[in-house]
N, C-alpha and C. Protein backbone atom coordinates (compact mmCIF):
# COMPACT_ATOMS: atom_id res chain seq x y z
N PHE A 1 -227.96 -14.79 17.86
CA PHE A 1 -227.68 -14.46 16.43
C PHE A 1 -225.90 -14.28 16.87
N ALA A 2 -225.21 -14.76 15.52
CA ALA A 2 -223.57 -14.49 15.79
C ALA A 2 -223.14 -14.46 14.22
N VAL A 3 -221.77 -13.96 14.33
CA VAL A 3 -221.34 -13.29 13.06
C VAL A 3 -219.89 -13.63 13.34
N THR A 4 -219.32 -14.25 12.12
CA THR A 4 -217.84 -14.55 12.20
C THR A 4 -217.36 -13.22 11.04
N ASP A 5 -216.26 -12.84 11.37
CA ASP A 5 -215.91 -11.64 10.54
C ASP A 5 -214.47 -12.06 9.77
N SER A 6 -214.36 -12.20 8.07
CA SER A 6 -213.04 -12.16 7.60
C SER A 6 -212.32 -11.25 7.87
N ARG A 7 -212.48 -9.75 8.55
CA ARG A 7 -211.49 -9.28 8.79
C ARG A 7 -210.59 -9.66 9.96
N PHE A 8 -210.90 -10.52 10.71
CA PHE A 8 -210.53 -10.54 12.01
C PHE A 8 -209.94 -12.36 11.41
N ILE A 9 -208.56 -12.46 11.42
CA ILE A 9 -208.09 -13.61 10.99
C ILE A 9 -208.63 -14.63 10.40
N MET A 10 -209.10 -14.01 9.15
CA MET A 10 -210.18 -14.36 7.97
C MET A 10 -211.28 -15.30 8.45
N GLY A 11 -211.84 -14.72 9.57
CA GLY A 11 -212.97 -15.28 10.23
C GLY A 11 -212.67 -16.69 10.45
N SER A 12 -211.81 -17.26 10.63
CA SER A 12 -211.16 -18.96 10.88
C SER A 12 -211.86 -19.34 12.32
N MET A 13 -212.06 -20.50 12.54
CA MET A 13 -212.69 -20.90 13.60
C MET A 13 -211.65 -21.35 14.64
N GLY A 14 -211.21 -20.96 15.80
CA GLY A 14 -210.40 -21.53 16.64
C GLY A 14 -211.15 -22.12 18.33
N THR A 15 -210.73 -21.99 18.98
CA THR A 15 -211.73 -22.47 20.16
C THR A 15 -212.34 -21.51 20.71
N VAL A 16 -211.85 -20.27 20.66
CA VAL A 16 -212.89 -19.32 21.35
C VAL A 16 -213.84 -18.86 20.46
N VAL A 17 -213.81 -18.69 19.15
CA VAL A 17 -215.16 -18.99 18.14
C VAL A 17 -215.94 -20.07 18.15
N GLY A 18 -215.45 -21.10 18.44
CA GLY A 18 -216.32 -22.51 18.40
C GLY A 18 -217.06 -22.40 19.60
N GLU A 19 -216.54 -21.98 20.84
CA GLU A 19 -217.04 -22.04 22.17
C GLU A 19 -218.42 -20.79 21.86
N LYS A 20 -218.02 -19.49 21.48
CA LYS A 20 -218.93 -18.83 21.28
C LYS A 20 -220.13 -18.99 20.39
N ILE A 21 -220.07 -19.80 19.17
CA ILE A 21 -220.83 -20.19 18.27
C ILE A 21 -221.74 -21.17 19.16
N THR A 22 -221.12 -22.23 19.56
CA THR A 22 -221.85 -23.13 20.67
C THR A 22 -222.68 -22.42 21.77
N ARG A 23 -222.26 -21.39 22.15
CA ARG A 23 -222.95 -20.71 23.37
C ARG A 23 -224.13 -20.03 22.42
N CYS A 24 -223.94 -19.35 21.26
CA CYS A 24 -225.24 -18.66 20.64
C CYS A 24 -226.20 -20.15 20.62
N ILE A 25 -225.60 -20.86 20.19
CA ILE A 25 -226.87 -22.08 19.70
C ILE A 25 -227.54 -22.63 21.06
N GLU A 26 -226.71 -22.77 22.22
CA GLU A 26 -227.23 -23.24 23.44
C GLU A 26 -227.92 -22.21 23.81
N ARG A 27 -227.90 -20.93 23.70
CA ARG A 27 -228.79 -19.72 24.48
C ARG A 27 -230.26 -20.01 23.39
N GLY A 28 -230.10 -20.36 22.09
CA GLY A 28 -231.05 -20.43 21.38
C GLY A 28 -231.94 -21.51 21.94
N ILE A 29 -231.35 -22.71 22.35
CA ILE A 29 -232.01 -23.95 22.61
C ILE A 29 -233.16 -23.28 24.14
N GLU A 30 -232.25 -22.77 24.73
CA GLU A 30 -232.72 -22.15 26.29
C GLU A 30 -233.97 -21.44 26.32
N LYS A 31 -233.59 -20.40 25.41
CA LYS A 31 -235.01 -19.22 25.19
C LYS A 31 -235.91 -19.69 24.23
N LYS A 32 -235.51 -20.91 23.86
CA LYS A 32 -236.61 -21.55 22.30
C LYS A 32 -236.76 -20.36 21.42
N ILE A 33 -235.39 -19.66 20.88
CA ILE A 33 -235.35 -18.56 19.92
C ILE A 33 -234.70 -19.17 19.08
N PRO A 34 -234.96 -18.53 17.70
CA PRO A 34 -234.27 -18.91 16.35
C PRO A 34 -232.98 -18.79 16.56
N VAL A 35 -232.03 -19.47 15.70
CA VAL A 35 -230.53 -19.08 15.94
C VAL A 35 -230.29 -18.82 14.46
N VAL A 36 -229.67 -17.51 14.25
CA VAL A 36 -228.91 -17.04 13.04
C VAL A 36 -227.50 -16.74 12.88
N ILE A 37 -226.84 -17.39 12.08
CA ILE A 37 -225.54 -17.31 12.21
C ILE A 37 -225.18 -16.85 10.58
N VAL A 38 -224.38 -15.78 11.30
CA VAL A 38 -223.51 -14.99 9.44
C VAL A 38 -222.21 -15.58 9.48
N SER A 39 -221.73 -16.09 8.59
CA SER A 39 -220.78 -16.70 8.40
C SER A 39 -219.64 -15.81 7.35
N GLY A 40 -218.74 -15.32 7.50
CA GLY A 40 -218.14 -14.17 7.18
C GLY A 40 -216.40 -15.20 6.86
N SER A 41 -216.21 -16.08 6.35
CA SER A 41 -214.94 -16.96 6.61
C SER A 41 -214.37 -17.75 5.46
N GLY A 42 -213.04 -16.83 5.37
CA GLY A 42 -212.32 -17.15 4.27
C GLY A 42 -211.17 -18.37 4.66
N GLY A 43 -211.21 -18.45 5.83
CA GLY A 43 -210.05 -19.51 6.67
C GLY A 43 -211.13 -20.89 7.26
N GLY A 44 -210.39 -21.67 7.61
CA GLY A 44 -210.82 -22.92 8.35
C GLY A 44 -210.86 -22.92 9.51
N ALA A 45 -210.12 -23.90 10.25
CA ALA A 45 -209.64 -24.28 11.64
C ALA A 45 -208.52 -23.64 11.44
N ARG A 46 -208.16 -23.29 12.88
CA ARG A 46 -206.93 -22.52 12.75
C ARG A 46 -205.88 -23.49 13.25
N MET A 47 -205.26 -23.94 12.09
CA MET A 47 -204.30 -24.98 12.66
C MET A 47 -203.18 -24.82 13.56
N TYR A 48 -203.12 -23.53 13.69
CA TYR A 48 -201.83 -23.71 14.83
C TYR A 48 -202.06 -23.76 16.16
N GLU A 49 -203.65 -23.63 16.34
CA GLU A 49 -204.22 -24.15 17.80
C GLU A 49 -204.47 -25.70 17.76
N GLY A 50 -203.84 -26.30 16.77
CA GLY A 50 -203.94 -27.91 17.20
C GLY A 50 -205.67 -28.58 16.90
N CYS A 51 -205.38 -29.49 17.74
CA CYS A 51 -206.46 -30.17 17.51
C CYS A 51 -207.81 -29.72 18.40
N TYR A 52 -207.41 -28.70 19.26
CA TYR A 52 -208.34 -27.99 20.29
C TYR A 52 -209.35 -27.28 19.09
N SER A 53 -208.52 -26.63 17.99
CA SER A 53 -209.20 -25.80 16.78
C SER A 53 -210.20 -26.81 15.96
N LEU A 54 -210.01 -28.01 15.58
CA LEU A 54 -210.63 -28.97 15.03
C LEU A 54 -211.81 -29.52 15.52
N MET A 55 -211.64 -29.66 16.86
CA MET A 55 -212.52 -30.09 17.78
C MET A 55 -213.88 -28.98 17.60
N GLN A 56 -213.75 -27.79 17.33
CA GLN A 56 -214.71 -27.02 17.35
C GLN A 56 -215.80 -27.13 16.39
N MET A 57 -215.18 -27.78 15.01
CA MET A 57 -216.43 -28.44 13.85
C MET A 57 -217.13 -29.49 14.59
N ALA A 58 -216.66 -30.17 15.46
CA ALA A 58 -217.58 -30.97 16.11
C ALA A 58 -218.43 -30.67 16.93
N MET A 59 -218.02 -29.60 17.76
CA MET A 59 -218.80 -29.28 18.96
C MET A 59 -219.90 -28.30 18.39
N THR A 60 -219.74 -27.49 17.51
CA THR A 60 -220.58 -26.77 17.35
C THR A 60 -221.83 -27.54 15.83
N SER A 61 -221.38 -28.57 15.66
CA SER A 61 -222.21 -29.35 14.68
C SER A 61 -222.97 -30.32 15.90
N ALA A 62 -222.37 -30.56 17.01
CA ALA A 62 -223.27 -31.36 17.80
C ALA A 62 -224.42 -30.36 18.34
N ALA A 63 -223.99 -29.02 19.00
CA ALA A 63 -224.73 -28.38 19.28
C ALA A 63 -226.16 -28.07 18.48
N LEU A 64 -225.86 -28.02 17.31
CA LEU A 64 -227.00 -27.65 16.06
C LEU A 64 -227.99 -29.35 16.17
N ALA A 65 -227.52 -30.13 16.40
CA ALA A 65 -227.80 -31.41 15.95
C ALA A 65 -228.81 -31.25 17.69
N HIS A 66 -228.60 -30.88 18.57
CA HIS A 66 -229.35 -30.52 20.00
C HIS A 66 -230.40 -29.59 19.58
N ARG A 67 -230.21 -28.61 18.86
CA ARG A 67 -231.02 -27.52 18.35
C ARG A 67 -232.50 -28.06 17.54
N ALA A 68 -231.72 -29.00 16.69
CA ALA A 68 -232.81 -29.42 15.85
C ALA A 68 -233.51 -30.78 16.46
N GLN A 69 -233.12 -31.03 17.41
CA GLN A 69 -234.18 -32.27 18.27
C GLN A 69 -235.19 -31.32 19.21
N ALA A 70 -234.29 -29.61 19.60
CA ALA A 70 -235.56 -29.18 20.33
C ALA A 70 -236.31 -28.36 19.36
N GLY A 71 -236.35 -28.50 18.21
CA GLY A 71 -237.47 -27.76 17.18
C GLY A 71 -237.22 -26.46 17.09
N ILE A 72 -235.76 -25.83 17.44
CA ILE A 72 -235.46 -24.27 17.10
C ILE A 72 -234.78 -24.34 15.67
N PRO A 73 -235.37 -23.25 15.01
CA PRO A 73 -235.00 -22.85 13.36
C PRO A 73 -233.61 -22.43 13.26
N PHE A 74 -232.75 -22.76 12.83
CA PHE A 74 -231.67 -21.98 12.30
C PHE A 74 -231.20 -21.71 10.95
N ILE A 75 -230.96 -20.23 10.76
CA ILE A 75 -230.54 -19.86 9.57
C ILE A 75 -229.35 -19.34 9.48
N SER A 76 -228.58 -19.96 8.36
CA SER A 76 -227.20 -19.85 7.99
C SER A 76 -227.08 -18.95 6.89
N ILE A 77 -226.35 -17.84 6.95
CA ILE A 77 -226.21 -16.86 6.14
C ILE A 77 -224.54 -16.86 5.54
N LEU A 78 -224.27 -17.18 4.48
CA LEU A 78 -223.14 -17.29 4.00
C LEU A 78 -222.62 -16.14 3.43
N THR A 79 -221.84 -15.50 3.59
CA THR A 79 -221.17 -14.35 2.91
C THR A 79 -220.01 -14.45 2.13
N ASN A 80 -219.40 -13.90 1.51
CA ASN A 80 -218.26 -14.03 0.62
C ASN A 80 -216.77 -13.69 1.11
N PRO A 81 -216.05 -14.61 1.54
CA PRO A 81 -215.99 -15.77 1.24
C PRO A 81 -216.41 -16.47 2.32
N THR A 82 -216.88 -17.94 2.34
CA THR A 82 -217.43 -19.08 3.73
C THR A 82 -217.10 -20.26 2.89
N MET A 83 -215.59 -20.60 3.75
CA MET A 83 -214.91 -21.96 3.35
C MET A 83 -214.30 -22.52 4.49
N GLY A 84 -213.58 -23.42 4.06
CA GLY A 84 -212.94 -24.40 5.00
C GLY A 84 -213.76 -24.79 6.38
N GLY A 85 -213.34 -25.15 7.64
CA GLY A 85 -213.76 -25.75 8.60
C GLY A 85 -214.97 -24.87 9.02
N VAL A 86 -215.75 -23.87 8.75
CA VAL A 86 -216.61 -23.00 9.18
C VAL A 86 -217.71 -23.81 8.28
N MET A 87 -217.49 -23.71 6.89
CA MET A 87 -218.20 -24.02 5.87
C MET A 87 -218.54 -25.92 6.11
N ALA A 88 -217.51 -26.30 6.44
CA ALA A 88 -217.71 -28.17 6.85
C ALA A 88 -218.26 -28.39 7.96
N SER A 89 -218.77 -27.26 8.76
CA SER A 89 -219.71 -27.55 10.01
C SER A 89 -220.92 -26.77 10.25
N PHE A 90 -220.89 -25.67 11.05
CA PHE A 90 -222.18 -25.07 10.95
C PHE A 90 -222.59 -24.04 10.20
N ALA A 91 -221.79 -23.66 9.29
CA ALA A 91 -222.33 -22.87 8.01
C ALA A 91 -222.86 -23.98 7.19
N SER A 92 -223.22 -25.05 6.99
CA SER A 92 -223.91 -26.07 5.83
C SER A 92 -224.93 -26.71 6.73
N LEU A 93 -225.05 -26.40 8.03
CA LEU A 93 -226.33 -27.17 8.64
C LEU A 93 -227.42 -26.36 8.86
N GLY A 94 -227.76 -25.27 8.27
CA GLY A 94 -228.71 -24.57 8.36
C GLY A 94 -230.07 -25.26 7.92
N ASP A 95 -231.26 -24.94 8.69
CA ASP A 95 -232.34 -25.22 8.07
C ASP A 95 -232.86 -24.36 6.82
N ILE A 96 -232.45 -23.27 6.91
CA ILE A 96 -232.65 -22.18 5.62
C ILE A 96 -231.31 -21.88 5.21
N ILE A 97 -230.57 -21.90 4.33
CA ILE A 97 -228.90 -21.34 4.01
C ILE A 97 -229.30 -20.42 2.83
N ILE A 98 -228.67 -19.28 3.34
CA ILE A 98 -228.83 -17.96 2.40
C ILE A 98 -227.41 -17.47 2.09
N ALA A 99 -227.19 -17.25 0.95
CA ALA A 99 -225.99 -16.52 0.53
C ALA A 99 -226.04 -15.42 0.15
N GLU A 100 -225.02 -14.62 -0.29
CA GLU A 100 -224.96 -13.27 -0.91
C GLU A 100 -224.65 -13.76 -2.35
N PRO A 101 -225.02 -12.61 -3.23
CA PRO A 101 -224.87 -12.97 -4.74
C PRO A 101 -222.98 -13.28 -4.81
N ASP A 102 -222.85 -14.14 -5.86
CA ASP A 102 -221.43 -14.13 -6.15
C ASP A 102 -220.27 -14.74 -5.03
N ALA A 103 -220.90 -14.99 -4.11
CA ALA A 103 -220.06 -15.68 -2.88
C ALA A 103 -219.24 -17.07 -3.25
N LEU A 104 -217.88 -16.95 -2.54
CA LEU A 104 -217.37 -18.11 -2.73
C LEU A 104 -217.62 -19.21 -1.45
N ILE A 105 -217.90 -20.38 -1.84
CA ILE A 105 -218.33 -21.27 -0.62
C ILE A 105 -217.69 -22.05 -0.86
N GLY A 106 -217.37 -23.20 0.00
CA GLY A 106 -216.60 -24.38 -0.23
C GLY A 106 -215.66 -24.52 1.15
N PHE A 107 -215.07 -26.05 0.76
CA PHE A 107 -214.23 -26.34 2.06
C PHE A 107 -212.86 -26.00 1.48
N ALA A 108 -212.42 -26.38 0.28
CA ALA A 108 -211.35 -26.14 -0.34
C ALA A 108 -211.73 -25.31 -1.64
N GLY A 109 -210.64 -24.35 -1.96
CA GLY A 109 -210.99 -23.37 -3.02
C GLY A 109 -210.65 -24.32 -4.22
N PRO A 110 -211.60 -23.46 -5.24
CA PRO A 110 -211.44 -23.84 -6.66
C PRO A 110 -210.04 -24.34 -7.16
N ARG A 111 -209.26 -23.42 -6.82
CA ARG A 111 -207.63 -23.94 -7.56
C ARG A 111 -207.45 -25.13 -6.84
N VAL A 112 -207.52 -25.21 -5.56
CA VAL A 112 -207.13 -26.64 -4.66
C VAL A 112 -207.91 -27.95 -5.32
N ILE A 113 -208.99 -27.79 -5.65
CA ILE A 113 -209.88 -28.81 -6.02
C ILE A 113 -209.29 -29.21 -7.68
N LYS A 114 -209.01 -28.29 -8.23
CA LYS A 114 -208.70 -28.23 -9.85
C LYS A 114 -207.23 -29.04 -9.56
N GLN A 115 -206.24 -28.79 -8.99
CA GLN A 115 -204.98 -29.61 -8.80
C GLN A 115 -205.30 -31.03 -8.32
N THR A 116 -206.10 -31.07 -7.41
CA THR A 116 -206.60 -32.50 -6.83
C THR A 116 -207.25 -33.43 -7.96
N VAL A 117 -207.95 -32.91 -8.46
CA VAL A 117 -208.74 -33.65 -9.25
C VAL A 117 -208.37 -34.11 -10.86
N ARG A 118 -207.61 -32.73 -10.95
CA ARG A 118 -206.62 -32.67 -12.34
C ARG A 118 -207.90 -32.73 -12.94
N GLN A 119 -208.58 -31.82 -13.28
CA GLN A 119 -209.57 -31.85 -14.17
C GLN A 119 -209.95 -30.18 -14.26
N ASP A 120 -210.58 -29.80 -15.41
CA ASP A 120 -211.49 -28.09 -15.43
C ASP A 120 -212.53 -28.43 -14.48
N LEU A 121 -213.08 -27.36 -13.93
CA LEU A 121 -214.31 -27.26 -12.99
C LEU A 121 -215.06 -26.76 -13.98
N PRO A 122 -216.56 -26.76 -13.73
CA PRO A 122 -217.55 -26.06 -14.20
C PRO A 122 -217.49 -24.54 -14.15
N PRO A 123 -217.98 -23.73 -15.30
CA PRO A 123 -217.97 -22.33 -14.57
C PRO A 123 -218.81 -21.86 -13.57
N GLY A 124 -218.20 -20.80 -12.85
CA GLY A 124 -219.12 -20.83 -11.30
C GLY A 124 -218.84 -21.36 -10.35
N PHE A 125 -218.03 -22.34 -10.51
CA PHE A 125 -217.88 -23.62 -9.36
C PHE A 125 -217.70 -23.06 -8.05
N GLN A 126 -218.69 -23.62 -7.05
CA GLN A 126 -218.23 -22.67 -5.95
C GLN A 126 -219.04 -21.31 -5.62
N LYS A 127 -219.56 -20.74 -6.45
CA LYS A 127 -220.24 -19.59 -6.19
C LYS A 127 -221.53 -19.85 -5.80
N SER A 128 -222.36 -18.76 -5.38
CA SER A 128 -223.55 -19.05 -4.59
C SER A 128 -224.56 -19.63 -5.91
N GLU A 129 -224.61 -19.00 -6.93
CA GLU A 129 -225.63 -19.35 -7.98
C GLU A 129 -225.18 -20.57 -8.27
N TYR A 130 -224.32 -21.11 -8.20
CA TYR A 130 -224.20 -22.38 -8.94
C TYR A 130 -224.54 -23.56 -7.81
N LEU A 131 -224.15 -23.21 -6.56
CA LEU A 131 -224.75 -24.08 -5.36
C LEU A 131 -226.31 -24.01 -5.16
N LEU A 132 -226.97 -22.65 -5.46
CA LEU A 132 -228.58 -22.66 -5.65
C LEU A 132 -229.00 -23.75 -6.63
N LYS A 133 -228.33 -23.67 -7.48
CA LYS A 133 -228.95 -24.41 -8.94
C LYS A 133 -228.61 -26.01 -8.67
N HIS A 134 -227.43 -26.15 -8.10
CA HIS A 134 -227.28 -27.54 -7.40
C HIS A 134 -227.94 -28.04 -6.06
N GLY A 135 -228.50 -27.27 -5.36
CA GLY A 135 -229.35 -27.70 -4.17
C GLY A 135 -228.36 -27.78 -2.88
N MET A 136 -227.29 -26.78 -2.75
CA MET A 136 -226.54 -26.84 -1.73
C MET A 136 -226.83 -25.80 -0.95
N ILE A 137 -227.57 -24.66 -1.30
CA ILE A 137 -228.33 -23.28 -0.67
C ILE A 137 -229.37 -23.07 -1.10
N ASP A 138 -230.30 -22.48 -0.17
CA ASP A 138 -231.65 -22.43 -0.43
C ASP A 138 -232.17 -20.98 -0.99
N ARG A 139 -231.09 -19.94 -0.83
CA ARG A 139 -231.43 -18.51 -1.59
C ARG A 139 -230.47 -17.94 -1.65
N VAL A 140 -230.13 -17.12 -2.62
CA VAL A 140 -229.13 -16.09 -3.03
C VAL A 140 -229.93 -14.62 -2.80
N THR A 141 -229.39 -13.94 -1.95
CA THR A 141 -230.16 -12.90 -1.55
C THR A 141 -228.77 -11.70 -1.35
N HIS A 142 -229.24 -10.45 -1.90
CA HIS A 142 -228.18 -9.35 -1.89
C HIS A 142 -228.35 -8.90 -0.25
N ARG A 143 -227.02 -8.57 0.23
CA ARG A 143 -227.08 -8.27 2.08
C ARG A 143 -227.99 -7.14 2.12
N LYS A 144 -228.39 -5.88 1.28
CA LYS A 144 -229.23 -5.04 1.37
C LYS A 144 -230.33 -5.43 1.91
N ASN A 145 -231.24 -6.92 1.34
CA ASN A 145 -232.32 -7.21 1.38
C ASN A 145 -232.33 -8.52 2.84
N LEU A 146 -231.42 -8.65 3.14
CA LEU A 146 -231.06 -9.66 4.24
C LEU A 146 -232.14 -9.49 5.35
N VAL A 147 -232.16 -8.34 6.23
CA VAL A 147 -233.25 -8.41 7.16
C VAL A 147 -234.53 -8.55 6.78
N LYS A 148 -235.09 -8.07 5.82
CA LYS A 148 -236.46 -8.34 5.08
C LYS A 148 -236.48 -10.01 4.92
N GLU A 149 -235.62 -10.58 4.51
CA GLU A 149 -235.73 -11.83 3.81
C GLU A 149 -235.48 -12.72 5.42
N VAL A 150 -234.93 -12.56 6.16
CA VAL A 150 -234.63 -13.16 7.25
C VAL A 150 -235.98 -13.38 8.14
N HIS A 151 -236.66 -11.91 8.01
CA HIS A 151 -237.90 -11.66 9.04
C HIS A 151 -238.89 -12.60 8.46
N GLN A 152 -239.04 -12.47 6.81
CA GLN A 152 -239.87 -12.95 6.10
C GLN A 152 -239.81 -14.90 6.59
N ILE A 153 -238.77 -15.12 6.60
CA ILE A 153 -238.42 -16.71 6.73
C ILE A 153 -238.73 -16.90 8.33
N LEU A 154 -238.63 -16.46 9.04
CA LEU A 154 -238.66 -16.14 10.82
C LEU A 154 -240.04 -16.09 10.80
N SER A 155 -240.81 -15.23 10.12
CA SER A 155 -242.19 -15.09 10.25
C SER A 155 -243.14 -16.49 9.90
N ILE A 156 -242.66 -17.12 9.04
CA ILE A 156 -243.09 -18.30 8.47
C ILE A 156 -243.27 -19.63 9.34
N LEU A 157 -241.69 -19.51 9.67
CA LEU A 157 -241.23 -20.66 10.58
C LEU A 157 -241.74 -20.47 12.16
N CYS A 158 -241.87 -19.08 12.59
CA CYS A 158 -241.93 -18.99 14.08
C CYS A 158 -243.27 -18.20 14.20
N LYS A 159 -244.08 -17.96 13.42
CA LYS A 159 -244.81 -16.78 13.17
C LYS A 159 -244.41 -15.49 14.31
N VAL A 160 -243.46 -14.91 13.89
CA VAL A 160 -242.99 -13.75 14.57
C VAL A 160 -243.53 -12.41 14.00
N PRO A 161 -244.25 -11.85 15.21
CA PRO A 161 -244.83 -10.56 14.99
C PRO A 161 -244.01 -9.41 14.03
N SER A 162 -244.24 -8.52 13.20
CA SER A 162 -243.52 -7.65 12.80
C SER A 162 -242.90 -6.53 13.62
N LYS A 163 -243.80 -6.00 14.57
CA LYS A 163 -243.22 -5.08 15.26
C LYS A 163 -242.20 -5.90 16.51
N VAL A 164 -242.16 -7.02 16.68
CA VAL A 164 -241.19 -7.83 17.50
C VAL A 164 -239.68 -7.80 16.66
N ALA A 165 -240.17 -8.06 15.41
CA ALA A 165 -238.27 -8.30 14.72
C ALA A 165 -238.31 -6.70 14.34
N GLY A 166 -239.09 -5.68 14.52
CA GLY A 166 -238.56 -4.35 14.29
C GLY A 166 -238.60 -4.22 12.49
N VAL A 167 -239.43 -4.85 12.08
CA VAL A 167 -239.62 -4.66 10.39
C VAL A 167 -240.97 -4.33 10.20
N ALA A 168 -241.08 -3.40 9.27
CA ALA A 168 -242.52 -2.69 9.10
C ALA A 168 -242.92 -3.61 7.79
């Protein structure tokens, strides 16, 4: 289980964050247990760290590819906002992707995209409900219901007993 936090450098991914996410994934593979990552990232790769920061996108994605080969489930939980390099790498690679309601999700923000394509964007573009409707994510679940939702998914994917997961 890993969490990025937008209250710390907007949850951006630098070398330490990438290493910790990768180690979490590797531990899941080693122990043959599901991986759950909660992404609270309004930022992307930490540009002031240079290429080392950008390499974390590939490193976390490669670890998730090894996890998939091992048959270990990965649930990605997207909070508001989940953007940039985090979304362009591990956050978008979940077997199941759950987002909280009205979360802003994407690589670049709507303003940047609108300026780039020079067109108006559809209403709700890059919000979790829009992405659910267009197949980018699997569920929209309020934060207060996440434990129950994740438990239910894991019980289907892994046959996790309720008392092991701490949910009645």
